[in-house]
C-alpha cells in the first residue's frame, strides 16, 4: 500500500469523524434549544398564571357591554349585537353601560358609531344620558316607596324584580291588602333612636310598581297598622285567601256567632178617656 492511499484513507476517516462531530453538535444544539424553548414557555405560562391569579384576587371586576361587531350610526341597540366583558373596575368608564342596566339601552338608537370590542357608553346613544327611573314605568303606573321591617321583608333576600304580597296587621287581625306586587327597587337603612344614635336594627325601603288606587290603599294601610311583605315565587300567580286571620282562626276556635237582634216594638201610649158624668 503506497503512501497516497494511506493518506486518502486517513483524510476520509478524519472527514467522517468531523461529520459525526457536527451531527452530534447539531443534535445537542437542537436538544438544548428545544429544552430552552420549553423551559421559557413554561416559565412564561407560570408567570402569566401567577399575575392573572393576583389580578383576580386584588382587582374588583365589573361586567360591561361591548359590541361583537362594528355598530354604525343610527343602528338600534339589540341583544344579539352585544356581549358582556369583565374588566377591572378602576379602568371602567363612568358612563359605561353595564350588564345590570343594559335593559335601559335596548331599543335606543346609536348616535355615534361604535367599534367592535369597545365599551358601549350612554354617550353613544342619541339620548346621551342614563335613562331616568320614571322612564321605565308603564303608562298609568306609579312607583311607590314605603318601609317594611327588616325581618318582615325577608332580610336581605328581597331584590328588584321580585313579586310580593302585603299583609296588614290591624286590630288583632292579619288582612291581605295587595297581592303580587312587582318590586322595582329595595334598600336597607339604619334606624336612628331618640338620642340621634344609630341602632343595630334596620328597616328596608321597598319601591313597587302600582296603580294610583293601589298606592292609596298601601298608604292608608301603612298609616293604620303594620305591613308585612311576603316573597312570592315568580311562577306563582294564584291568589291567596282574602279571609282575615283572626285569633279564633289561629287557635282553631269556632267563630263567635253574631247576636241576633230582636226587633223591639214599643207600644204607643194611648190617650186616657174618662167616660161618664157626675152621679146624681
C-alpha atoms as a PDB file:
ATOM      1  CA  UNK A   1       0.000   0.000   0.000  1.00  0.00           C
ATOM      2  CA  UNK A   2       1.525   3.229  -1.073  1.00  0.00           C
ATOM      3  CA  UNK A   3       1.636   6.446   0.868  1.00  0.00           C
ATOM      4  CA  UNK A   4      -1.060   8.172  -1.224  1.00  0.00           C
ATOM      5  CA  UNK A   5      -3.694   5.545  -0.469  1.00  0.00           C
ATOM      6  CA  UNK A   6      -2.878   5.705   3.225  1.00  0.00           C
ATOM      7  CA  UNK A   7      -3.217   9.484   3.173  1.00  0.00           C
ATOM      8  CA  UNK A   8      -6.578   9.315   1.382  1.00  0.00           C
ATOM      9  CA  UNK A   9      -7.982   6.854   3.895  1.00  0.00           C
ATOM     10  CA  UNK A  10      -6.774   8.989   6.758  1.00  0.00           C
ATOM     11  CA  UNK A  11      -8.437  12.003   5.248  1.00  0.00           C
ATOM     12  CA  UNK A  12     -11.709  10.100   4.815  1.00  0.00           C
ATOM     13  CA  UNK A  13     -11.647   8.941   8.438  1.00  0.00           C
ATOM     14  CA  UNK A  14     -10.987  12.481   9.513  1.00  0.00           C
ATOM     15  CA  UNK A  15     -13.877  13.781   7.423  1.00  0.00           C
ATOM     16  CA  UNK A  16     -16.220  11.115   8.831  1.00  0.00           C
ATOM     17  CA  UNK A  17     -15.190  11.986  12.383  1.00  0.00           C
ATOM     18  CA  UNK A  18     -15.712  15.671  11.632  1.00  0.00           C
ATOM     19  CA  UNK A  19     -19.161  14.993  10.145  1.00  0.00           C
ATOM     20  CA  UNK A  20     -20.093  12.852  13.131  1.00  0.00           C
ATOM     21  CA  UNK A  21     -18.991  15.603  15.491  1.00  0.00           C
ATOM     22  CA  UNK A  22     -21.005  18.192  13.553  1.00  0.00           C
ATOM     23  CA  UNK A  23     -24.096  15.974  13.586  1.00  0.00           C
ATOM     24  CA  UNK A  24     -23.700  15.389  17.309  1.00  0.00           C
ATOM     25  CA  UNK A  25     -23.224  19.101  17.927  1.00  0.00           C
ATOM     26  CA  UNK A  26     -26.299  19.876  15.787  1.00  0.00           C
ATOM     27  CA  UNK A  27     -28.391  17.330  17.688  1.00  0.00           C
ATOM     28  CA  UNK A  28     -27.141  18.675  21.005  1.00  0.00           C
ATOM     29  CA  UNK A  29     -27.886  22.246  19.907  1.00  0.00           C
ATOM     30  CA  UNK A  30     -31.395  21.314  18.824  1.00  0.00           C
ATOM     31  CA  UNK A  31     -31.970  19.471  22.091  1.00  0.00           C
ATOM     32  CA  UNK A  32     -30.668  22.380  24.149  1.00  0.00           C
ATOM     33  CA  UNK A  33     -32.733  24.825  22.082  1.00  0.00           C
ATOM     34  CA  UNK A  34     -35.893  22.746  22.474  1.00  0.00           C
ATOM     35  CA  UNK A  35     -35.301  22.433  26.182  1.00  0.00           C
ATOM     36  CA  UNK A  36     -34.745  26.182  26.416  1.00  0.00           C
ATOM     37  CA  UNK A  37     -37.947  26.915  24.497  1.00  0.00           C
ATOM     38  CA  UNK A  38     -39.904  24.517  26.699  1.00  0.00           C
ATOM     39  CA  UNK A  39     -38.464  25.950  29.903  1.00  0.00           C
ATOM     40  CA  UNK A  40     -39.020  29.525  28.703  1.00  0.00           C
ATOM     41  CA  UNK A  41     -42.608  28.742  27.700  1.00  0.00           C
ATOM     42  CA  UNK A  42     -43.253  27.007  30.989  1.00  0.00           C
ATOM     43  CA  UNK A  43     -41.724  29.935  32.881  1.00  0.00           C
ATOM     44  CA  UNK A  44     -43.819  32.479  30.948  1.00  0.00           C
ATOM     45  CA  UNK A  45     -47.037  30.484  31.461  1.00  0.00           C
ATOM     46  CA  UNK A  46     -46.369  30.220  35.182  1.00  0.00           C
ATOM     47  CA  UNK A  47     -45.729  33.953  35.394  1.00  0.00           C
ATOM     48  CA  UNK A  48     -48.865  34.765  33.408  1.00  0.00           C
ATOM     49  CA  UNK A  49     -50.975  32.469  35.585  1.00  0.00           C
ATOM     50  CA  UNK A  50     -49.435  33.969  38.700  1.00  0.00           C
ATOM     51  CA  UNK A  51     -50.142  37.556  37.701  1.00  0.00           C
ATOM     52  CA  UNK A  52     -53.589  36.572  36.483  1.00  0.00           C
ATOM     53  CA  UNK A  53     -54.390  34.967  39.827  1.00  0.00           C
ATOM     54  CA  UNK A  54     -53.086  38.030  41.639  1.00  0.00           C
ATOM     55  CA  UNK A  55     -55.198  40.261  39.418  1.00  0.00           C
ATOM     56  CA  UNK A  56     -58.315  38.190  40.130  1.00  0.00           C
ATOM     57  CA  UNK A  57     -57.648  38.359  43.858  1.00  0.00           C
ATOM     58  CA  UNK A  58     -56.899  42.055  44.134  1.00  0.00           C
ATOM     59  CA  UNK A  59     -58.897  43.719  41.349  1.00  0.00           C
ATOM     60  CA  UNK A  60     -62.623  44.324  41.600  1.00  0.00           C
ATOM     61  CA  UNK A  61     -64.155  43.420  38.254  1.00  0.00           C
ATOM     62  CA  UNK A  62     -67.212  44.908  36.570  1.00  0.00           C
ATOM     63  CA  UNK A  63     -69.320  43.444  33.744  1.00  0.00           C
ATOM     64  CA  UNK A  64     -69.664  45.907  30.835  1.00  0.00           C
ATOM     65  CA  UNK A  65     -71.433  45.761  27.480  1.00  0.00           C
ATOM     66  CA  UNK A  66     -69.309  45.669  24.305  1.00  0.00           C
ATOM     67  CA  UNK A  67     -70.416  45.244  20.667  1.00  0.00           C
ATOM     68  CA  UNK A  68     -69.465  41.980  18.968  1.00  0.00           C
ATOM     69  CA  UNK A  69     -69.402  43.805  15.597  1.00  0.00           C
ATOM     70  CA  UNK A  70     -68.957  47.367  14.371  1.00  0.00           C
ATOM     71  CA  UNK A  71     -72.148  49.285  15.184  1.00  0.00           C
ATOM     72  CA  UNK A  72     -72.898  52.043  12.658  1.00  0.00           C
ATOM     73  CA  UNK A  73     -74.523  55.352  13.487  1.00  0.00           C
ATOM     74  CA  UNK A  74     -78.302  55.125  13.538  1.00  0.00           C
ATOM     75  CA  UNK A  75     -78.412  51.424  14.439  1.00  0.00           C
ATOM     76  CA  UNK A  76     -80.838  50.214  17.106  1.00  0.00           C
ATOM     77  CA  UNK A  77     -79.311  48.599  20.197  1.00  0.00           C
ATOM     78  CA  UNK A  78     -80.296  44.923  20.397  1.00  0.00           C
ATOM     79  CA  UNK A  79     -79.152  41.990  22.495  1.00  0.00           C
ATOM     80  CA  UNK A  80     -77.755  39.970  19.589  1.00  0.00           C
ATOM     81  CA  UNK A  81     -75.179  42.655  18.675  1.00  0.00           C
ATOM     82  CA  UNK A  82     -73.583  42.932  22.118  1.00  0.00           C
ATOM     83  CA  UNK A  83     -71.705  40.780  24.610  1.00  0.00           C
ATOM     84  CA  UNK A  84     -70.635  41.052  28.236  1.00  0.00           C
ATOM     85  CA  UNK A  85     -66.962  41.538  29.114  1.00  0.00           C
ATOM     86  CA  UNK A  86     -65.420  41.830  32.580  1.00  0.00           C
ATOM     87  CA  UNK A  87     -62.707  44.417  33.153  1.00  0.00           C
ATOM     88  CA  UNK A  88     -61.104  45.898  36.303  1.00  0.00           C
ATOM     89  CA  UNK A  89     -63.460  48.419  37.828  1.00  0.00           C
ATOM     90  CA  UNK A  90     -60.776  51.102  38.086  1.00  0.00           C
ATOM     91  CA  UNK A  91     -60.415  51.084  34.286  1.00  0.00           C
ATOM     92  CA  UNK A  92     -64.164  51.253  33.609  1.00  0.00           C
ATOM     93  CA  UNK A  93     -65.580  54.449  32.143  1.00  0.00           C
ATOM     94  CA  UNK A  94     -68.003  56.271  34.432  1.00  0.00           C
ATOM     95  CA  UNK A  95     -70.584  56.417  31.634  1.00  0.00           C
ATOM     96  CA  UNK A  96     -70.192  52.799  30.541  1.00  0.00           C
ATOM     97  CA  UNK A  97     -73.287  50.644  30.112  1.00  0.00           C
ATOM     98  CA  UNK A  98     -73.102  47.605  32.354  1.00  0.00           C
ATOM     99  CA  UNK A  99     -74.811  44.250  32.454  1.00  0.00           C
ATOM    100  CA  UNK A 100     -77.264  45.388  35.126  1.00  0.00           C
ATOM    101  CA  UNK A 101     -78.555  48.468  33.275  1.00  0.00           C
ATOM    102  CA  UNK A 102     -78.291  47.202  29.691  1.00  0.00           C
ATOM    103  CA  UNK A 103     -82.086  46.814  29.536  1.00  0.00           C
ATOM    104  CA  UNK A 104     -82.376  50.602  29.587  1.00  0.00           C
ATOM    105  CA  UNK A 105     -80.268  50.873  26.427  1.00  0.00           C
ATOM    106  CA  UNK A 106     -82.076  48.209  24.385  1.00  0.00           C
ATOM    107  CA  UNK A 107     -84.225  49.784  21.691  1.00  0.00           C
ATOM    108  CA  UNK A 108     -82.398  53.111  21.704  1.00  0.00           C
ATOM    109  CA  UNK A 109     -80.682  54.479  18.600  1.00  0.00           C
ATOM    110  CA  UNK A 110     -76.887  54.812  18.402  1.00  0.00           C
ATOM    111  CA  UNK A 111     -75.860  58.425  17.800  1.00  0.00           C
ATOM    112  CA  UNK A 112     -72.188  57.631  17.125  1.00  0.00           C
ATOM    113  CA  UNK A 113     -70.576  54.598  15.525  1.00  0.00           C
ATOM    114  CA  UNK A 114     -69.055  52.126  18.000  1.00  0.00           C
ATOM    115  CA  UNK A 115     -66.146  49.851  17.061  1.00  0.00           C
ATOM    116  CA  UNK A 116     -66.183  46.135  17.818  1.00  0.00           C
ATOM    117  CA  UNK A 117     -64.941  45.353  21.325  1.00  0.00           C
ATOM    118  CA  UNK A 118     -65.155  48.956  22.531  1.00  0.00           C
ATOM    119  CA  UNK A 119     -67.170  49.637  25.668  1.00  0.00           C
ATOM    120  CA  UNK A 120     -70.663  50.948  24.922  1.00  0.00           C
ATOM    121  CA  UNK A 121     -71.308  54.296  26.639  1.00  0.00           C
ATOM    122  CA  UNK A 122     -74.536  56.135  27.347  1.00  0.00           C
ATOM    123  CA  UNK A 123     -72.983  58.999  25.388  1.00  0.00           C
ATOM    124  CA  UNK A 124     -73.020  56.787  22.268  1.00  0.00           C
ATOM    125  CA  UNK A 125     -76.821  56.770  22.331  1.00  0.00           C
ATOM    126  CA  UNK A 126     -78.945  59.554  20.895  1.00  0.00           C
ATOM    127  CA  UNK A 127     -80.383  60.265  24.327  1.00  0.00           C
ATOM    128  CA  UNK A 128     -76.872  60.837  25.610  1.00  0.00           C
ATOM    129  CA  UNK A 129     -77.796  60.254  29.248  1.00  0.00           C
ATOM    130  CA  UNK A 130     -78.682  57.397  31.545  1.00  0.00           C
ATOM    131  CA  UNK A 131     -82.457  56.843  31.397  1.00  0.00           C
ATOM    132  CA  UNK A 132     -84.392  58.036  34.424  1.00  0.00           C
ATOM    133  CA  UNK A 133     -86.103  55.675  36.820  1.00  0.00           C
ATOM    134  CA  UNK A 134     -89.515  57.009  35.838  1.00  0.00           C
ATOM    135  CA  UNK A 135     -88.774  56.279  32.191  1.00  0.00           C
ATOM    136  CA  UNK A 136     -89.117  52.567  32.894  1.00  0.00           C
ATOM    137  CA  UNK A 137     -92.676  52.851  34.206  1.00  0.00           C
ATOM    138  CA  UNK A 138     -95.579  51.790  32.043  1.00  0.00           C
ATOM    139  CA  UNK A 139     -98.306  54.271  31.197  1.00  0.00           C
ATOM    140  CA  UNK A 140    -100.802  54.538  34.042  1.00  0.00           C
ATOM    141  CA  UNK A 141     -98.387  53.059  36.620  1.00  0.00           C
ATOM    142  CA  UNK A 142     -96.640  54.735  39.543  1.00  0.00           C
ATOM    143  CA  UNK A 143     -93.595  53.933  41.677  1.00  0.00           C
ATOM    144  CA  UNK A 144     -94.406  53.880  45.403  1.00  0.00           C
ATOM    145  CA  UNK A 145     -91.727  53.620  48.102  1.00  0.00           C
ATOM    146  CA  UNK A 146     -92.570  52.605  51.674  1.00  0.00           C
ATOM    147  CA  UNK A 147     -90.801  50.992  54.619  1.00  0.00           C
ATOM    148  CA  UNK A 148     -91.119  47.472  55.944  1.00  0.00           C
ATOM    149  CA  UNK A 149     -89.327  45.964  58.948  1.00  0.00           C
ATOM    150  CA  UNK A 150     -86.152  44.110  58.010  1.00  0.00           C
ATOM    151  CA  UNK A 151     -87.359  40.733  59.288  1.00  0.00           C
ATOM    152  CA  UNK A 152     -90.686  41.139  57.535  1.00  0.00           C
ATOM    153  CA  UNK A 153     -89.003  41.919  54.230  1.00  0.00           C
ATOM    154  CA  UNK A 154     -87.239  38.538  54.198  1.00  0.00           C
ATOM    155  CA  UNK A 155     -83.988  40.035  55.493  1.00  0.00           C
ATOM    156  CA  UNK A 156     -81.555  40.557  52.597  1.00  0.00           C
ATOM    157  CA  UNK A 157     -83.257  38.202  50.161  1.00  0.00           C
ATOM    158  CA  UNK A 158     -85.734  40.691  48.719  1.00  0.00           C
ATOM    159  CA  UNK A 159     -84.430  42.006  45.393  1.00  0.00           C
ATOM    160  CA  UNK A 160     -85.668  44.080  42.445  1.00  0.00           C
ATOM    161  CA  UNK A 161     -87.905  42.153  40.005  1.00  0.00           C
ATOM    162  CA  UNK A 162     -89.274  40.020  42.860  1.00  0.00           C
ATOM    163  CA  UNK A 163     -93.019  39.818  43.495  1.00  0.00           C
ATOM    164  CA  UNK A 164     -94.526  40.212  46.952  1.00  0.00           C
ATOM    165  CA  UNK A 165     -97.822  40.103  48.828  1.00  0.00           C
ATOM    166  CA  UNK A 166     -98.622  42.684  51.509  1.00  0.00           C
ATOM    167  CA  UNK A 167    -100.323  41.750  54.776  1.00  0.00           C
ATOM    168  CA  UNK A 168    -101.778  44.316  57.170  1.00  0.00           C
ATOM    169  CA  UNK A 169    -101.779  43.701  60.922  1.00  0.00           C
ATOM    170  CA  UNK A 170    -104.701  45.702  62.281  1.00  0.00           C
ATOM    171  CA  UNK A 171    -106.976  45.340  65.304  1.00  0.00           C
ATOM    172  CA  UNK A 172    -105.635  41.847  66.181  1.00  0.00           C
ATOM    173  CA  UNK A 173    -106.214  40.637  62.635  1.00  0.00           C
ATOM    174  CA  UNK A 174    -103.932  39.950  59.669  1.00  0.00           C
ATOM    175  CA  UNK A 175    -105.554  41.014  56.430  1.00  0.00           C
ATOM    176  CA  UNK A 176    -104.208  40.512  52.873  1.00  0.00           C
ATOM    177  CA  UNK A 177    -104.074  44.010  51.416  1.00  0.00           C
ATOM    178  CA  UNK A 178    -102.395  43.757  47.995  1.00  0.00           C
ATOM    179  CA  UNK A 179    -101.210  40.654  46.151  1.00  0.00           C
ATOM    180  CA  UNK A 180     -98.494  40.041  43.541  1.00  0.00           C
ATOM    181  CA  UNK A 181     -96.805  43.453  43.676  1.00  0.00           C
ATOM    182  CA  UNK A 182     -93.773  43.930  41.414  1.00  0.00           C
ATOM    183  CA  UNK A 183     -90.672  45.204  43.256  1.00  0.00           C
ATOM    184  CA  UNK A 184     -88.706  47.896  41.384  1.00  0.00           C
ATOM    185  CA  UNK A 185     -86.045  48.661  43.981  1.00  0.00           C
ATOM    186  CA  UNK A 186     -85.095  47.877  47.558  1.00  0.00           C
ATOM    187  CA  UNK A 187     -82.582  49.201  50.070  1.00  0.00           C
ATOM    188  CA  UNK A 188     -81.737  48.996  53.755  1.00  0.00           C
ATOM    189  CA  UNK A 189     -81.426  51.915  56.147  1.00  0.00           C
ATOM    190  CA  UNK A 190     -80.277  52.149  59.755  1.00  0.00           C
ATOM    191  CA  UNK A 191     -82.710  53.278  62.410  1.00  0.00           C
ATOM    192  CA  UNK A 192     -81.925  56.399  64.456  1.00  0.00           C
ATOM    193  CA  UNK A 193     -83.066  56.424  68.069  1.00  0.00           C
ATOM    194  CA  UNK A 194     -84.300  59.433  70.018  1.00  0.00           C
ATOM    195  CA  UNK A 195     -80.761  60.365  71.083  1.00  0.00           C
ATOM    196  CA  UNK A 196     -79.660  60.596  67.462  1.00  0.00           C
ATOM    197  CA  UNK A 197     -77.508  57.462  67.601  1.00  0.00           C
ATOM    198  CA  UNK A 198     -77.672  54.640  65.079  1.00  0.00           C
ATOM    199  CA  UNK A 199     -79.141  51.404  66.384  1.00  0.00           C
ATOM    200  CA  UNK A 200     -78.236  47.892  65.256  1.00  0.00           C
ATOM    201  CA  UNK A 201     -81.770  47.367  63.988  1.00  0.00           C
ATOM    202  CA  UNK A 202     -82.558  48.258  60.394  1.00  0.00           C
ATOM    203  CA  UNK A 203     -85.553  48.592  58.147  1.00  0.00           C
ATOM    204  CA  UNK A 204     -85.968  48.156  54.430  1.00  0.00           C
ATOM    205  CA  UNK A 205     -87.384  50.553  51.880  1.00  0.00           C
ATOM    206  CA  UNK A 206     -89.324  48.904  49.083  1.00  0.00           C
ATOM    207  CA  UNK A 207     -90.280  50.593  45.824  1.00  0.00           C
ATOM    208  CA  UNK A 208     -93.112  48.854  43.977  1.00  0.00           C
ATOM    209  CA  UNK A 209     -94.978  49.423  40.731  1.00  0.00           C
ATOM    210  CA  UNK A 210     -98.614  50.276  41.439  1.00  0.00           C
ATOM    211  CA  UNK A 211    -101.679  51.947  40.051  1.00  0.00           C
ATOM    212  CA  UNK A 212    -102.783  55.196  41.748  1.00  0.00           C
ATOM    213  CA  UNK A 213    -105.615  53.329  43.511  1.00  0.00           C
ATOM    214  CA  UNK A 214    -103.279  50.678  44.950  1.00  0.00           C
ATOM    215  CA  UNK A 215    -100.893  53.444  46.041  1.00  0.00           C
ATOM    216  CA  UNK A 216    -103.720  54.982  48.054  1.00  0.00           C
ATOM    217  CA  UNK A 217    -104.560  51.629  49.673  1.00  0.00           C
ATOM    218  CA  UNK A 218    -100.952  50.969  50.698  1.00  0.00           C
ATOM    219  CA  UNK A 219    -100.533  54.494  52.058  1.00  0.00           C
ATOM    220  CA  UNK A 220    -103.682  54.164  54.153  1.00  0.00           C
ATOM    221  CA  UNK A 221    -102.750  50.664  55.354  1.00  0.00           C
ATOM    222  CA  UNK A 222     -99.307  51.895  56.413  1.00  0.00           C
ATOM    223  CA  UNK A 223    -100.902  54.649  58.499  1.00  0.00           C
ATOM    224  CA  UNK A 224    -103.262  52.372  60.460  1.00  0.00           C
ATOM    225  CA  UNK A 225    -101.231  49.214  61.018  1.00  0.00           C
ATOM    226  CA  UNK A 226     -98.097  47.177  60.405  1.00  0.00           C
ATOM    227  CA  UNK A 227     -97.224  45.920  56.919  1.00  0.00           C
ATOM    228  CA  UNK A 228     -95.556  42.589  56.235  1.00  0.00           C
ATOM    229  CA  UNK A 229     -94.065  41.635  52.850  1.00  0.00           C
ATOM    230  CA  UNK A 230     -94.307  38.017  51.676  1.00  0.00           C
ATOM    231  CA  UNK A 231     -91.895  36.911  48.959  1.00  0.00           C
ATOM    232  CA  UNK A 232     -93.771  35.193  46.138  1.00  0.00           C
ATOM    233  CA  UNK A 233     -92.413  32.662  43.627  1.00  0.00           C
ATOM    234  CA  UNK A 234     -92.139  34.063  40.074  1.00  0.00           C
ATOM    235  CA  UNK A 235     -94.162  31.081  38.804  1.00  0.00           C
ATOM    236  CA  UNK A 236     -96.941  31.519  41.380  1.00  0.00           C
ATOM    237  CA  UNK A 237     -99.834  33.649  40.162  1.00  0.00           C
ATOM    238  CA  UNK A 238    -102.534  32.097  42.333  1.00  0.00           C
ATOM    239  CA  UNK A 239    -104.371  34.492  44.666  1.00  0.00           C
ATOM    240  CA  UNK A 240    -104.160  33.900  48.402  1.00  0.00           C
ATOM    241  CA  UNK A 241    -107.216  33.808  50.646  1.00  0.00           C
ATOM    242  CA  UNK A 242    -108.660  37.217  51.365  1.00  0.00           C
ATOM    243  CA  UNK A 243    -110.231  35.991  54.615  1.00  0.00           C
ATOM    244  CA  UNK A 244    -108.615  37.772  57.582  1.00  0.00           C
ATOM    245  CA  UNK A 245    -106.604  35.720  60.068  1.00  0.00           C
ATOM    246  CA  UNK A 246    -108.186  36.233  63.475  1.00  0.00           C
ATOM    247  CA  UNK A 247    -107.237  34.971  66.922  1.00  0.00           C
ATOM    248  CA  UNK A 248    -110.113  32.479  66.774  1.00  0.00           C
ATOM    249  CA  UNK A 249    -108.880  31.060  63.445  1.00  0.00           C
ATOM    250  CA  UNK A 250    -105.331  30.923  64.749  1.00  0.00           C
ATOM    251  CA  UNK A 251    -106.387  28.862  67.795  1.00  0.00           C
ATOM    252  CA  UNK A 252    -108.899  26.772  65.809  1.00  0.00           C
ATOM    253  CA  UNK A 253    -111.747  28.065  67.864  1.00  0.00           C
ATOM    254  CA  UNK A 254    -115.256  28.389  66.474  1.00  0.00           C
ATOM    255  CA  UNK A 255    -116.127  31.799  65.238  1.00  0.00           C
ATOM    256  CA  UNK A 256    -118.431  33.639  67.632  1.00  0.00           C
ATOM    257  CA  UNK A 257    -121.938  33.795  66.336  1.00  0.00           C
ATOM    258  CA  UNK A 258    -123.351  37.172  65.727  1.00  0.00           C
ATOM    259  CA  UNK A 259    -126.073  38.009  68.186  1.00  0.00           C
ATOM    260  CA  UNK A 260    -129.461  38.267  66.574  1.00  0.00           C
ATOM    261  CA  UNK A 261    -131.133  41.497  67.298  1.00  0.00           C
ATOM    262  CA  UNK A 262    -134.779  41.237  68.264  1.00  0.00           C
ATOM    263  CA  UNK A 263    -136.934  43.931  66.960  1.00  0.00           C
ATOM    264  CA  UNK A 264    -138.301  45.828  69.884  1.00  0.00           C
ATOM    265  CA  UNK A 265    -141.792  47.040  69.266  1.00  0.00           C
ATOM    266  CA  UNK A 266    -142.742  49.774  71.573  1.00  0.00           C
ATOM    267  CA  UNK A 267    -146.373  50.168  72.302  1.00  0.00           C
ATOM    268  CA  UNK A 268    -147.568  53.617  71.639  1.00  0.00           C
ATOM    269  CA  UNK A 269    -149.020  55.285  74.647  1.00  0.00           C
ATOM    270  CA  UNK A 270    -152.764  55.713  74.246  1.00  0.00           C
ATOM    271  CA  UNK A 271    -154.876  58.639  75.323  1.00  0.00           C
ATOM    272  CA  UNK A 272    -156.886  58.082  78.512  1.00  0.00           C
ATOM    273  CA  UNK A 273    -160.525  58.873  78.176  1.00  0.00           C
ATOM    274  CA  UNK A 274    -162.908  59.379  81.127  1.00  0.00           C
ATOM    275  CA  UNK A 275    -166.400  58.213  80.151  1.00  0.00           C
ATOM    276  CA  UNK A 276    -169.385  59.242  82.136  1.00  0.00           C
ATOM    277  CA  UNK A 277    -170.543  62.234  84.121  1.00  0.00           C
ATOM    278  CA  UNK A 278    -171.361  63.227  87.604  1.00  0.00           C
ATOM    279  CA  UNK A 279    -173.520  60.898  89.605  1.00  0.00           C
ATOM    280  CA  UNK A 280    -176.983  62.023  90.666  1.00  0.00           C
END
